[in-house]
Amino acid sequence: DLYTGVAITHLKPARYFNYELGGWWSFDHQRGYADLSLYRMTGTGEIVSVRAADGSSYNQNAGKTLHYGIEYTLNYKPISWLGIRISGTSARHRFIRYVENGKSYDGLQMNDAPHRIINSEVSYSPAFLTGLTASVEWQYLSGYYMDPENTLRYPGYEVFNLRLRYERKAFEVWANLLNLANTVYATSAEKTAYSTAYRPGALRTLYLGISYHFTGH
């Protein structure tokens, strides 16, 4: 990844120290599970992507970084036909010691590092039609700074997806309607001294499919 089409000079190895504490809990009657973990990680010589004035990117060592937060998952079926899933992370990412082109970013938040990322889904599987599952998915990404100087902030986004799937014997038919609200958003955004770049996410998109599962293969 580092050496594909990227010129690298004087790149040093990165070193991390990570401390993590977590737990896992299974609900009764196979209704699901929940897990939670807390972590604190420091990085020395962390490799970050830097965009040059001409628009090209190159990798550079950051002096020292700090990362800490929580990660969680809940997968639960309160009743046989209803499923609830939520997973995400809430974290902070900071430069402890980092100098680029003579500028010090000590104490600032790392760019392209949102505080919260959440993916959740509610699914419905009716008893009167075995094999059918309908679900609504919510994807959320909070705002983040687009540059290491913390001068411009992208507000983040939330996207809803609708998924339908019907299975019967070896056949499966499915339809996915992504970005249900036709939200205009960027999957990533970054700022340099000379330009601001956004990578647009897909607008409302419908996928249809059919598949056949060969038993024993």
N, C-alpha and C. Protein backbone atom coordinates (compact mmCIF):
# COMPACT_ATOMS: atom_id res chain seq x y z
N ASP A 1 0.84 -1.21 0.00
CA ASP A 1 0.00 0.00 0.00
C ASP A 1 0.87 1.25 0.00
N LEU A 2 1.94 1.25 0.76
CA LEU A 2 2.77 2.44 0.86
C LEU A 2 3.61 2.68 -0.38
N TYR A 3 3.94 1.62 -1.10
CA TYR A 3 4.88 1.75 -2.20
C TYR A 3 4.22 1.68 -3.57
N THR A 4 2.90 1.73 -3.62
CA THR A 4 2.19 1.68 -4.90
C THR A 4 1.95 3.09 -5.42
N GLY A 5 2.73 3.50 -6.37
CA GLY A 5 2.54 4.80 -7.01
C GLY A 5 2.81 5.98 -6.11
N VAL A 6 3.51 5.77 -4.99
CA VAL A 6 3.77 6.87 -4.07
C VAL A 6 5.27 6.97 -3.83
N ALA A 7 5.80 8.17 -3.99
CA ALA A 7 7.22 8.38 -3.72
C ALA A 7 7.42 8.54 -2.22
N ILE A 8 8.30 7.74 -1.65
CA ILE A 8 8.54 7.76 -0.21
C ILE A 8 10.02 8.04 0.05
N THR A 9 10.27 9.02 0.90
CA THR A 9 11.65 9.30 1.28
C THR A 9 11.73 9.37 2.80
N HIS A 10 12.69 8.68 3.36
CA HIS A 10 12.97 8.73 4.79
C HIS A 10 11.74 8.36 5.63
N LEU A 11 10.99 7.35 5.22
CA LEU A 11 9.83 6.90 5.97
C LEU A 11 10.27 5.89 7.02
N LYS A 12 9.95 6.15 8.28
CA LYS A 12 10.37 5.29 9.38
C LYS A 12 9.22 4.37 9.80
N PRO A 13 9.54 3.25 10.45
CA PRO A 13 8.49 2.36 10.94
C PRO A 13 7.63 3.06 12.00
N ALA A 14 6.35 2.69 12.04
CA ALA A 14 5.44 3.20 13.07
C ALA A 14 5.36 2.19 14.21
N ARG A 15 5.15 2.71 15.41
CA ARG A 15 5.05 1.84 16.59
C ARG A 15 3.84 2.27 17.41
N TYR A 16 3.05 1.28 17.86
CA TYR A 16 1.84 1.55 18.62
C TYR A 16 1.84 0.78 19.93
N PHE A 17 1.26 1.40 20.94
CA PHE A 17 1.00 0.73 22.21
C PHE A 17 -0.50 0.88 22.50
N ASN A 18 -1.19 -0.25 22.56
CA ASN A 18 -2.64 -0.23 22.70
C ASN A 18 -3.05 -0.98 23.97
N TYR A 19 -3.94 -0.36 24.75
CA TYR A 19 -4.48 -0.96 25.96
C TYR A 19 -6.00 -1.03 25.81
N GLU A 20 -6.54 -2.22 25.99
CA GLU A 20 -7.97 -2.41 25.73
C GLU A 20 -8.60 -3.27 26.82
N LEU A 21 -9.82 -2.89 27.18
CA LEU A 21 -10.60 -3.64 28.16
C LEU A 21 -12.02 -3.79 27.63
N GLY A 22 -12.53 -5.01 27.61
CA GLY A 22 -13.85 -5.20 27.03
C GLY A 22 -14.59 -6.37 27.64
N GLY A 23 -15.86 -6.49 27.27
CA GLY A 23 -16.68 -7.58 27.76
C GLY A 23 -17.73 -7.97 26.73
N TRP A 24 -18.29 -9.16 26.93
CA TRP A 24 -19.26 -9.73 25.99
C TRP A 24 -20.37 -10.39 26.78
N TRP A 25 -21.61 -10.20 26.34
CA TRP A 25 -22.77 -10.72 27.08
C TRP A 25 -23.76 -11.33 26.09
N SER A 26 -24.15 -12.56 26.34
CA SER A 26 -25.13 -13.26 25.50
C SER A 26 -26.49 -13.25 26.19
N PHE A 27 -27.53 -12.87 25.45
CA PHE A 27 -28.88 -12.83 26.00
C PHE A 27 -29.47 -14.25 26.08
N ASP A 28 -30.52 -14.40 26.86
CA ASP A 28 -31.18 -15.69 27.01
C ASP A 28 -31.89 -16.10 25.72
N HIS A 29 -32.09 -17.41 25.58
CA HIS A 29 -32.86 -17.99 24.47
C HIS A 29 -32.32 -17.60 23.10
N GLN A 30 -31.02 -17.42 23.02
CA GLN A 30 -30.36 -17.10 21.75
C GLN A 30 -30.95 -15.86 21.08
N ARG A 31 -31.29 -14.89 21.88
CA ARG A 31 -31.88 -13.66 21.35
C ARG A 31 -30.84 -12.67 20.86
N GLY A 32 -29.58 -12.92 21.10
CA GLY A 32 -28.56 -12.01 20.61
C GLY A 32 -27.44 -11.85 21.61
N TYR A 33 -26.65 -10.80 21.40
CA TYR A 33 -25.49 -10.56 22.25
C TYR A 33 -25.16 -9.07 22.22
N ALA A 34 -24.33 -8.67 23.16
CA ALA A 34 -23.82 -7.31 23.22
C ALA A 34 -22.36 -7.37 23.62
N ASP A 35 -21.56 -6.48 23.05
CA ASP A 35 -20.17 -6.38 23.49
C ASP A 35 -19.73 -4.92 23.53
N LEU A 36 -18.79 -4.64 24.39
CA LEU A 36 -18.30 -3.29 24.60
C LEU A 36 -16.82 -3.35 24.92
N SER A 37 -16.05 -2.46 24.34
CA SER A 37 -14.62 -2.40 24.64
C SER A 37 -14.17 -0.95 24.69
N LEU A 38 -13.26 -0.67 25.59
CA LEU A 38 -12.64 0.64 25.74
C LEU A 38 -11.16 0.50 25.41
N TYR A 39 -10.61 1.50 24.75
CA TYR A 39 -9.20 1.40 24.38
C TYR A 39 -8.50 2.75 24.46
N ARG A 40 -7.20 2.67 24.62
CA ARG A 40 -6.34 3.85 24.58
C ARG A 40 -5.06 3.45 23.86
N MET A 41 -4.74 4.16 22.81
CA MET A 41 -3.60 3.80 21.99
C MET A 41 -2.75 5.03 21.68
N THR A 42 -1.45 4.88 21.82
CA THR A 42 -0.51 5.93 21.41
C THR A 42 0.30 5.42 20.23
N GLY A 43 0.55 6.29 19.29
CA GLY A 43 1.33 5.94 18.12
C GLY A 43 2.56 6.82 18.00
N THR A 44 3.68 6.22 17.72
CA THR A 44 4.92 6.96 17.48
C THR A 44 5.36 6.71 16.05
N GLY A 45 5.60 7.79 15.33
CA GLY A 45 5.96 7.66 13.92
C GLY A 45 4.80 7.18 13.06
N GLU A 46 3.55 7.47 13.49
CA GLU A 46 2.39 7.03 12.71
C GLU A 46 2.45 7.59 11.30
N ILE A 47 2.11 6.76 10.33
CA ILE A 47 2.18 7.16 8.92
C ILE A 47 0.85 7.79 8.52
N VAL A 48 0.89 9.05 8.11
CA VAL A 48 -0.29 9.79 7.70
C VAL A 48 -0.14 10.20 6.25
N SER A 49 -1.27 10.39 5.59
CA SER A 49 -1.27 10.82 4.19
C SER A 49 -1.31 12.33 4.13
N VAL A 50 -0.41 12.92 3.36
CA VAL A 50 -0.31 14.36 3.22
C VAL A 50 -0.51 14.71 1.75
N ARG A 51 -1.34 15.72 1.49
CA ARG A 51 -1.60 16.14 0.11
C ARG A 51 -0.74 17.36 -0.22
N ALA A 52 0.02 17.25 -1.30
CA ALA A 52 0.90 18.34 -1.72
C ALA A 52 0.12 19.42 -2.46
N ALA A 53 0.80 20.53 -2.74
CA ALA A 53 0.14 21.65 -3.41
C ALA A 53 -0.35 21.29 -4.80
N ASP A 54 0.34 20.36 -5.48
CA ASP A 54 -0.07 19.99 -6.84
C ASP A 54 -1.20 18.95 -6.84
N GLY A 55 -1.71 18.60 -5.68
CA GLY A 55 -2.82 17.65 -5.60
C GLY A 55 -2.40 16.21 -5.36
N SER A 56 -1.13 15.92 -5.48
CA SER A 56 -0.66 14.55 -5.25
C SER A 56 -0.57 14.27 -3.76
N SER A 57 -0.57 12.99 -3.40
CA SER A 57 -0.49 12.59 -2.00
C SER A 57 0.82 11.85 -1.73
N TYR A 58 1.31 12.00 -0.55
CA TYR A 58 2.49 11.25 -0.14
C TYR A 58 2.35 10.93 1.34
N ASN A 59 3.11 9.95 1.80
CA ASN A 59 3.04 9.51 3.18
C ASN A 59 4.16 10.12 4.00
N GLN A 60 3.84 10.41 5.26
CA GLN A 60 4.81 11.05 6.12
C GLN A 60 4.59 10.57 7.55
N ASN A 61 5.67 10.50 8.32
CA ASN A 61 5.56 10.09 9.72
C ASN A 61 5.09 11.26 10.58
N ALA A 62 4.07 10.99 11.41
CA ALA A 62 3.69 11.93 12.45
C ALA A 62 4.52 11.61 13.69
N GLY A 63 4.88 12.63 14.45
CA GLY A 63 5.74 12.39 15.60
C GLY A 63 5.10 11.48 16.63
N LYS A 64 3.92 11.89 17.14
CA LYS A 64 3.24 11.08 18.14
C LYS A 64 1.75 11.40 18.10
N THR A 65 0.93 10.36 18.23
CA THR A 65 -0.52 10.54 18.18
C THR A 65 -1.16 9.81 19.35
N LEU A 66 -2.40 10.22 19.67
CA LEU A 66 -3.17 9.61 20.75
C LEU A 66 -4.56 9.26 20.24
N HIS A 67 -4.99 8.04 20.51
CA HIS A 67 -6.31 7.56 20.11
C HIS A 67 -6.97 6.90 21.32
N TYR A 68 -8.23 7.25 21.60
CA TYR A 68 -8.93 6.60 22.70
C TYR A 68 -10.44 6.67 22.45
N GLY A 69 -11.16 5.68 22.98
CA GLY A 69 -12.60 5.68 22.79
C GLY A 69 -13.22 4.34 23.15
N ILE A 70 -14.45 4.14 22.67
CA ILE A 70 -15.18 2.90 22.92
C ILE A 70 -15.70 2.34 21.60
N GLU A 71 -15.84 1.04 21.55
CA GLU A 71 -16.46 0.34 20.42
C GLU A 71 -17.55 -0.57 20.98
N TYR A 72 -18.67 -0.68 20.30
CA TYR A 72 -19.79 -1.43 20.85
C TYR A 72 -20.61 -2.08 19.74
N THR A 73 -21.29 -3.16 20.12
CA THR A 73 -22.20 -3.87 19.22
C THR A 73 -23.38 -4.40 20.03
N LEU A 74 -24.57 -4.24 19.51
CA LEU A 74 -25.77 -4.84 20.09
C LEU A 74 -26.52 -5.54 18.98
N ASN A 75 -26.77 -6.83 19.16
CA ASN A 75 -27.53 -7.62 18.20
C ASN A 75 -28.61 -8.34 18.99
N TYR A 76 -29.86 -7.94 18.83
CA TYR A 76 -30.91 -8.40 19.74
C TYR A 76 -32.22 -8.66 18.98
N LYS A 77 -32.91 -9.76 19.36
CA LYS A 77 -34.22 -10.08 18.81
C LYS A 77 -35.20 -10.15 19.97
N PRO A 78 -35.92 -9.06 20.23
CA PRO A 78 -36.89 -9.07 21.34
C PRO A 78 -38.03 -10.04 21.11
N ILE A 79 -38.40 -10.22 19.84
CA ILE A 79 -39.39 -11.21 19.45
C ILE A 79 -38.90 -11.89 18.16
N SER A 80 -39.52 -13.01 17.84
CA SER A 80 -38.98 -13.85 16.77
C SER A 80 -38.93 -13.15 15.41
N TRP A 81 -39.82 -12.21 15.16
CA TRP A 81 -39.90 -11.61 13.82
C TRP A 81 -39.24 -10.23 13.74
N LEU A 82 -38.64 -9.77 14.82
CA LEU A 82 -38.03 -8.43 14.84
C LEU A 82 -36.58 -8.52 15.30
N GLY A 83 -35.69 -7.95 14.53
CA GLY A 83 -34.29 -7.93 14.88
C GLY A 83 -33.76 -6.51 14.95
N ILE A 84 -32.88 -6.25 15.91
CA ILE A 84 -32.28 -4.93 16.09
C ILE A 84 -30.77 -5.10 16.17
N ARG A 85 -30.07 -4.33 15.36
CA ARG A 85 -28.61 -4.38 15.38
C ARG A 85 -28.06 -2.96 15.36
N ILE A 86 -27.11 -2.70 16.23
CA ILE A 86 -26.43 -1.41 16.23
C ILE A 86 -24.97 -1.63 16.59
N SER A 87 -24.09 -1.03 15.85
CA SER A 87 -22.66 -1.12 16.14
C SER A 87 -22.02 0.21 15.80
N GLY A 88 -20.98 0.53 16.52
CA GLY A 88 -20.34 1.80 16.25
C GLY A 88 -19.13 2.04 17.13
N THR A 89 -18.61 3.24 17.00
CA THR A 89 -17.46 3.65 17.79
C THR A 89 -17.57 5.13 18.10
N SER A 90 -17.09 5.50 19.26
CA SER A 90 -16.98 6.90 19.66
C SER A 90 -15.55 7.09 20.14
N ALA A 91 -14.80 7.96 19.46
CA ALA A 91 -13.36 8.02 19.73
C ALA A 91 -12.82 9.43 19.49
N ARG A 92 -11.62 9.65 19.97
CA ARG A 92 -10.89 10.89 19.73
C ARG A 92 -9.51 10.54 19.20
N HIS A 93 -9.04 11.35 18.26
CA HIS A 93 -7.74 11.12 17.62
C HIS A 93 -7.00 12.46 17.57
N ARG A 94 -5.85 12.54 18.24
CA ARG A 94 -5.15 13.82 18.35
C ARG A 94 -3.66 13.69 18.01
N PHE A 95 -3.13 14.80 17.51
CA PHE A 95 -1.68 14.91 17.35
C PHE A 95 -1.09 15.35 18.69
N ILE A 96 -0.19 14.57 19.22
CA ILE A 96 0.53 14.98 20.42
C ILE A 96 1.79 15.75 20.02
N ARG A 97 2.46 15.26 19.00
CA ARG A 97 3.64 15.94 18.48
C ARG A 97 3.72 15.67 16.98
N TYR A 98 3.53 16.73 16.19
CA TYR A 98 3.54 16.54 14.74
C TYR A 98 3.90 17.87 14.07
N VAL A 99 4.93 17.87 13.25
CA VAL A 99 5.37 19.06 12.53
C VAL A 99 5.42 18.72 11.05
N GLU A 100 4.78 19.56 10.25
CA GLU A 100 4.77 19.36 8.79
C GLU A 100 5.13 20.68 8.11
N ASN A 101 6.17 20.65 7.31
CA ASN A 101 6.64 21.84 6.59
C ASN A 101 6.85 23.03 7.54
N GLY A 102 7.39 22.74 8.70
CA GLY A 102 7.69 23.80 9.66
C GLY A 102 6.53 24.21 10.54
N LYS A 103 5.32 23.66 10.32
CA LYS A 103 4.16 23.99 11.13
C LYS A 103 3.93 22.92 12.18
N SER A 104 3.64 23.36 13.39
CA SER A 104 3.38 22.42 14.48
C SER A 104 1.87 22.26 14.67
N TYR A 105 1.43 21.00 14.74
CA TYR A 105 0.01 20.70 14.96
C TYR A 105 -0.20 20.03 16.32
N ASP A 106 0.71 20.26 17.23
CA ASP A 106 0.62 19.64 18.56
C ASP A 106 -0.71 19.97 19.23
N GLY A 107 -1.38 18.96 19.73
CA GLY A 107 -2.63 19.15 20.46
C GLY A 107 -3.87 19.26 19.60
N LEU A 108 -3.73 19.35 18.28
CA LEU A 108 -4.90 19.47 17.40
C LEU A 108 -5.47 18.10 17.07
N GLN A 109 -6.72 18.09 16.61
CA GLN A 109 -7.35 16.85 16.23
C GLN A 109 -6.82 16.38 14.88
N MET A 110 -6.70 15.08 14.73
CA MET A 110 -6.25 14.53 13.45
C MET A 110 -7.32 14.76 12.40
N ASN A 111 -6.90 15.07 11.19
CA ASN A 111 -7.84 15.28 10.10
C ASN A 111 -8.38 13.93 9.61
N ASP A 112 -9.55 13.98 8.98
CA ASP A 112 -10.22 12.78 8.44
C ASP A 112 -10.47 11.75 9.54
N ALA A 113 -10.76 12.21 10.75
CA ALA A 113 -10.98 11.31 11.88
C ALA A 113 -12.27 11.69 12.61
N PRO A 114 -13.42 11.18 12.15
CA PRO A 114 -14.70 11.50 12.81
C PRO A 114 -14.76 10.95 14.23
N HIS A 115 -15.51 11.65 15.08
CA HIS A 115 -15.65 11.21 16.47
C HIS A 115 -16.57 9.99 16.61
N ARG A 116 -17.60 9.92 15.77
CA ARG A 116 -18.58 8.84 15.90
C ARG A 116 -18.88 8.22 14.54
N ILE A 117 -18.95 6.91 14.53
CA ILE A 117 -19.38 6.14 13.36
C ILE A 117 -20.40 5.12 13.85
N ILE A 118 -21.57 5.11 13.25
CA ILE A 118 -22.64 4.21 13.69
C ILE A 118 -23.26 3.52 12.49
N ASN A 119 -23.52 2.24 12.61
CA ASN A 119 -24.27 1.49 11.61
C ASN A 119 -25.33 0.68 12.36
N SER A 120 -26.59 0.90 12.05
CA SER A 120 -27.66 0.21 12.75
C SER A 120 -28.70 -0.29 11.75
N GLU A 121 -29.47 -1.29 12.18
CA GLU A 121 -30.45 -1.90 11.28
C GLU A 121 -31.60 -2.48 12.10
N VAL A 122 -32.80 -2.29 11.59
CA VAL A 122 -34.00 -2.93 12.13
C VAL A 122 -34.56 -3.83 11.04
N SER A 123 -34.72 -5.11 11.35
CA SER A 123 -35.18 -6.07 10.34
C SER A 123 -36.49 -6.73 10.78
N TYR A 124 -37.29 -7.07 9.78
CA TYR A 124 -38.62 -7.66 10.00
C TYR A 124 -38.74 -8.92 9.16
N SER A 125 -39.05 -10.05 9.83
CA SER A 125 -39.21 -11.33 9.16
C SER A 125 -40.58 -11.90 9.53
N PRO A 126 -41.61 -11.65 8.72
CA PRO A 126 -42.97 -12.05 9.09
C PRO A 126 -43.14 -13.57 9.13
N ALA A 127 -43.93 -14.02 10.09
CA ALA A 127 -44.16 -15.45 10.24
C ALA A 127 -45.05 -15.99 9.13
N PHE A 128 -45.91 -15.13 8.56
CA PHE A 128 -46.84 -15.60 7.53
C PHE A 128 -46.18 -15.81 6.17
N LEU A 129 -44.91 -15.35 6.00
CA LEU A 129 -44.21 -15.55 4.74
C LEU A 129 -42.77 -15.92 5.06
N THR A 130 -42.53 -17.20 5.27
CA THR A 130 -41.21 -17.68 5.63
C THR A 130 -40.20 -17.40 4.52
N GLY A 131 -39.06 -16.86 4.90
CA GLY A 131 -38.01 -16.58 3.93
C GLY A 131 -37.89 -15.12 3.56
N LEU A 132 -38.90 -14.31 3.94
CA LEU A 132 -38.87 -12.89 3.61
C LEU A 132 -38.27 -12.10 4.77
N THR A 133 -37.36 -11.19 4.43
CA THR A 133 -36.77 -10.29 5.42
C THR A 133 -36.71 -8.89 4.83
N ALA A 134 -37.26 -7.93 5.56
CA ALA A 134 -37.20 -6.52 5.16
C ALA A 134 -36.45 -5.77 6.25
N SER A 135 -35.57 -4.89 5.86
CA SER A 135 -34.78 -4.17 6.86
C SER A 135 -34.50 -2.74 6.41
N VAL A 136 -34.36 -1.88 7.41
CA VAL A 136 -33.97 -0.49 7.18
C VAL A 136 -32.64 -0.28 7.90
N GLU A 137 -31.66 0.24 7.17
CA GLU A 137 -30.32 0.44 7.72
C GLU A 137 -30.02 1.93 7.81
N TRP A 138 -29.38 2.32 8.91
CA TRP A 138 -28.97 3.72 9.12
C TRP A 138 -27.47 3.77 9.26
N GLN A 139 -26.83 4.57 8.41
CA GLN A 139 -25.39 4.78 8.46
C GLN A 139 -25.13 6.23 8.85
N TYR A 140 -24.33 6.41 9.88
CA TYR A 140 -24.06 7.76 10.39
C TYR A 140 -22.57 7.96 10.57
N LEU A 141 -22.09 9.11 10.12
CA LEU A 141 -20.69 9.50 10.31
C LEU A 141 -20.69 10.96 10.75
N SER A 142 -20.10 11.23 11.91
CA SER A 142 -20.11 12.59 12.46
C SER A 142 -19.10 13.47 11.74
N GLY A 143 -19.14 14.75 12.05
CA GLY A 143 -18.24 15.69 11.41
C GLY A 143 -16.78 15.48 11.79
N TYR A 144 -15.89 16.01 10.96
CA TYR A 144 -14.45 15.91 11.23
C TYR A 144 -13.72 17.04 10.52
N TYR A 145 -12.53 17.30 10.99
CA TYR A 145 -11.72 18.34 10.35
C TYR A 145 -11.10 17.81 9.06
N MET A 146 -11.06 18.68 8.07
CA MET A 146 -10.57 18.29 6.75
C MET A 146 -9.09 18.54 6.59
N ASP A 147 -8.46 19.21 7.53
CA ASP A 147 -7.03 19.51 7.43
C ASP A 147 -6.42 19.43 8.83
N PRO A 148 -5.12 19.16 8.90
CA PRO A 148 -4.48 19.04 10.22
C PRO A 148 -4.45 20.35 11.00
N GLU A 149 -4.66 21.48 10.34
CA GLU A 149 -4.68 22.77 11.04
C GLU A 149 -6.02 23.03 11.73
N ASN A 150 -7.02 22.17 11.44
CA ASN A 150 -8.37 22.30 12.04
C ASN A 150 -9.04 23.61 11.67
N THR A 151 -8.90 24.03 10.40
CA THR A 151 -9.53 25.28 9.96
C THR A 151 -10.86 25.07 9.26
N LEU A 152 -11.10 23.88 8.72
CA LEU A 152 -12.34 23.62 8.00
C LEU A 152 -12.89 22.26 8.42
N ARG A 153 -14.19 22.22 8.68
CA ARG A 153 -14.80 21.02 9.21
C ARG A 153 -15.90 20.52 8.26
N TYR A 154 -15.88 19.22 7.95
CA TYR A 154 -16.96 18.61 7.18
C TYR A 154 -18.03 18.15 8.17
N PRO A 155 -19.31 18.45 7.92
CA PRO A 155 -20.35 18.19 8.92
C PRO A 155 -20.73 16.72 9.09
N GLY A 156 -20.24 15.85 8.22
CA GLY A 156 -20.63 14.44 8.30
C GLY A 156 -21.91 14.17 7.52
N TYR A 157 -22.46 12.97 7.71
CA TYR A 157 -23.67 12.63 6.96
C TYR A 157 -24.39 11.46 7.63
N GLU A 158 -25.64 11.27 7.20
CA GLU A 158 -26.39 10.08 7.57
C GLU A 158 -27.16 9.60 6.34
N VAL A 159 -27.17 8.30 6.14
CA VAL A 159 -27.77 7.70 4.95
C VAL A 159 -28.65 6.53 5.40
N PHE A 160 -29.84 6.42 4.79
CA PHE A 160 -30.76 5.31 5.07
C PHE A 160 -30.81 4.38 3.86
N ASN A 161 -30.80 3.09 4.12
CA ASN A 161 -30.90 2.08 3.07
C ASN A 161 -32.05 1.13 3.38
N LEU A 162 -32.75 0.72 2.33
CA LEU A 162 -33.84 -0.24 2.47
C LEU A 162 -33.45 -1.53 1.76
N ARG A 163 -33.59 -2.66 2.47
CA ARG A 163 -33.18 -3.95 1.91
C ARG A 163 -34.32 -4.95 2.02
N LEU A 164 -34.57 -5.68 0.93
CA LEU A 164 -35.56 -6.75 0.90
C LEU A 164 -34.89 -8.02 0.40
N ARG A 165 -35.18 -9.14 1.06
CA ARG A 165 -34.59 -10.41 0.65
C ARG A 165 -35.62 -11.53 0.86
N TYR A 166 -35.74 -12.37 -0.16
CA TYR A 166 -36.67 -13.51 -0.06
C TYR A 166 -35.94 -14.78 -0.47
N GLU A 167 -35.93 -15.75 0.43
CA GLU A 167 -35.26 -17.03 0.19
C GLU A 167 -36.30 -18.15 0.13
N ARG A 168 -36.15 -18.98 -0.88
CA ARG A 168 -37.01 -20.15 -1.00
C ARG A 168 -36.17 -21.29 -1.58
N LYS A 169 -35.97 -22.30 -0.75
CA LYS A 169 -35.13 -23.43 -1.11
C LYS A 169 -33.75 -22.90 -1.52
N ALA A 170 -33.31 -23.20 -2.73
CA ALA A 170 -31.96 -22.80 -3.14
C ALA A 170 -31.93 -21.43 -3.79
N PHE A 171 -33.09 -20.81 -3.96
CA PHE A 171 -33.13 -19.51 -4.64
C PHE A 171 -33.22 -18.37 -3.63
N GLU A 172 -32.64 -17.25 -4.04
CA GLU A 172 -32.72 -16.03 -3.24
C GLU A 172 -32.90 -14.85 -4.18
N VAL A 173 -33.89 -14.02 -3.89
CA VAL A 173 -34.15 -12.80 -4.65
C VAL A 173 -34.00 -11.62 -3.70
N TRP A 174 -33.31 -10.59 -4.14
CA TRP A 174 -33.09 -9.47 -3.24
C TRP A 174 -33.15 -8.13 -3.99
N ALA A 175 -33.48 -7.08 -3.23
CA ALA A 175 -33.53 -5.72 -3.76
C ALA A 175 -32.99 -4.79 -2.68
N ASN A 176 -32.06 -3.95 -3.05
CA ASN A 176 -31.47 -2.97 -2.13
C ASN A 176 -31.67 -1.57 -2.70
N LEU A 177 -32.36 -0.73 -1.95
CA LEU A 177 -32.52 0.67 -2.33
C LEU A 177 -31.62 1.49 -1.40
N LEU A 178 -30.48 1.91 -1.92
CA LEU A 178 -29.48 2.61 -1.12
C LEU A 178 -29.66 4.12 -1.21
N ASN A 179 -29.36 4.80 -0.13
CA ASN A 179 -29.54 6.24 -0.02
C ASN A 179 -31.00 6.59 -0.31
N LEU A 180 -31.85 6.08 0.53
CA LEU A 180 -33.30 6.19 0.35
C LEU A 180 -33.77 7.64 0.19
N ALA A 181 -33.19 8.56 0.94
CA ALA A 181 -33.62 9.96 0.91
C ALA A 181 -32.90 10.77 -0.17
N ASN A 182 -32.07 10.11 -0.98
CA ASN A 182 -31.32 10.77 -2.05
C ASN A 182 -30.45 11.91 -1.50
N THR A 183 -29.78 11.63 -0.40
CA THR A 183 -28.94 12.62 0.28
C THR A 183 -27.67 12.91 -0.52
N VAL A 184 -27.34 14.18 -0.63
CA VAL A 184 -26.08 14.57 -1.24
C VAL A 184 -25.01 14.62 -0.14
N TYR A 185 -23.97 13.81 -0.29
CA TYR A 185 -22.95 13.75 0.75
C TYR A 185 -21.62 13.33 0.14
N ALA A 186 -20.56 13.46 0.93
CA ALA A 186 -19.23 13.08 0.49
C ALA A 186 -18.72 11.94 1.35
N THR A 187 -18.17 10.91 0.72
CA THR A 187 -17.60 9.80 1.47
C THR A 187 -16.29 10.22 2.15
N SER A 188 -15.61 11.21 1.60
CA SER A 188 -14.42 11.78 2.23
C SER A 188 -14.25 13.21 1.75
N ALA A 189 -13.64 14.02 2.60
CA ALA A 189 -13.42 15.43 2.27
C ALA A 189 -12.10 15.86 2.87
N GLU A 190 -11.33 16.62 2.10
CA GLU A 190 -10.03 17.07 2.60
C GLU A 190 -9.69 18.44 2.04
N LYS A 191 -8.86 19.15 2.75
CA LYS A 191 -8.48 20.52 2.39
C LYS A 191 -6.97 20.66 2.44
N THR A 192 -6.42 21.34 1.44
CA THR A 192 -5.01 21.69 1.42
C THR A 192 -4.89 23.21 1.33
N ALA A 193 -3.68 23.68 1.26
CA ALA A 193 -3.47 25.13 1.17
C ALA A 193 -4.01 25.70 -0.13
N TYR A 194 -4.20 24.85 -1.15
CA TYR A 194 -4.58 25.36 -2.46
C TYR A 194 -5.92 24.83 -2.98
N SER A 195 -6.50 23.84 -2.32
CA SER A 195 -7.75 23.28 -2.86
C SER A 195 -8.52 22.55 -1.77
N THR A 196 -9.78 22.33 -2.05
CA THR A 196 -10.67 21.53 -1.20
C THR A 196 -11.30 20.46 -2.07
N ALA A 197 -11.21 19.21 -1.64
CA ALA A 197 -11.67 18.10 -2.47
C ALA A 197 -12.72 17.28 -1.72
N TYR A 198 -13.80 16.94 -2.44
CA TYR A 198 -14.86 16.09 -1.91
C TYR A 198 -15.05 14.90 -2.84
N ARG A 199 -15.19 13.72 -2.26
CA ARG A 199 -15.50 12.53 -3.05
C ARG A 199 -16.97 12.21 -2.84
N PRO A 200 -17.80 12.46 -3.84
CA PRO A 200 -19.24 12.33 -3.65
C PRO A 200 -19.68 10.89 -3.46
N GLY A 201 -20.65 10.71 -2.57
CA GLY A 201 -21.28 9.41 -2.40
C GLY A 201 -22.37 9.21 -3.44
N ALA A 202 -22.76 7.97 -3.65
CA ALA A 202 -23.77 7.67 -4.65
C ALA A 202 -25.14 8.19 -4.22
N LEU A 203 -25.89 8.73 -5.17
CA LEU A 203 -27.26 9.13 -4.92
C LEU A 203 -28.14 7.88 -4.85
N ARG A 204 -29.45 8.09 -4.77
CA ARG A 204 -30.36 6.95 -4.63
C ARG A 204 -30.11 5.92 -5.73
N THR A 205 -29.85 4.68 -5.31
CA THR A 205 -29.48 3.62 -6.23
C THR A 205 -30.24 2.35 -5.88
N LEU A 206 -30.77 1.69 -6.90
CA LEU A 206 -31.52 0.45 -6.71
C LEU A 206 -30.74 -0.72 -7.30
N TYR A 207 -30.53 -1.76 -6.49
CA TYR A 207 -29.89 -2.98 -6.93
C TYR A 207 -30.89 -4.13 -6.84
N LEU A 208 -30.98 -4.91 -7.91
CA LEU A 208 -31.84 -6.10 -7.93
C LEU A 208 -30.97 -7.31 -8.24
N GLY A 209 -31.31 -8.44 -7.63
CA GLY A 209 -30.50 -9.62 -7.89
C GLY A 209 -31.25 -10.91 -7.59
N ILE A 210 -30.76 -11.97 -8.18
CA ILE A 210 -31.28 -13.30 -7.93
C ILE A 210 -30.08 -14.26 -7.88
N SER A 211 -30.13 -15.20 -6.96
CA SER A 211 -29.01 -16.13 -6.83
C SER A 211 -29.54 -17.53 -6.57
N TYR A 212 -28.70 -18.50 -6.88
CA TYR A 212 -29.01 -19.91 -6.66
C TYR A 212 -27.86 -20.55 -5.91
N HIS A 213 -28.17 -21.24 -4.83
CA HIS A 213 -27.14 -21.85 -4.00
C HIS A 213 -27.07 -23.35 -4.31
N PHE A 214 -25.92 -23.80 -4.77
CA PHE A 214 -25.72 -25.22 -5.06
C PHE A 214 -25.40 -25.95 -3.77
N THR A 215 -26.26 -26.85 -3.37
CA THR A 215 -26.04 -27.57 -2.11
C THR A 215 -24.81 -28.48 -2.23
N GLY A 216 -24.04 -28.48 -1.19
CA GLY A 216 -22.85 -29.33 -1.15
C GLY A 216 -21.64 -28.73 -1.82
N HIS A 217 -21.76 -27.49 -2.30
CA HIS A 217 -20.65 -26.84 -2.97
C HIS A 217 -20.45 -25.47 -2.37
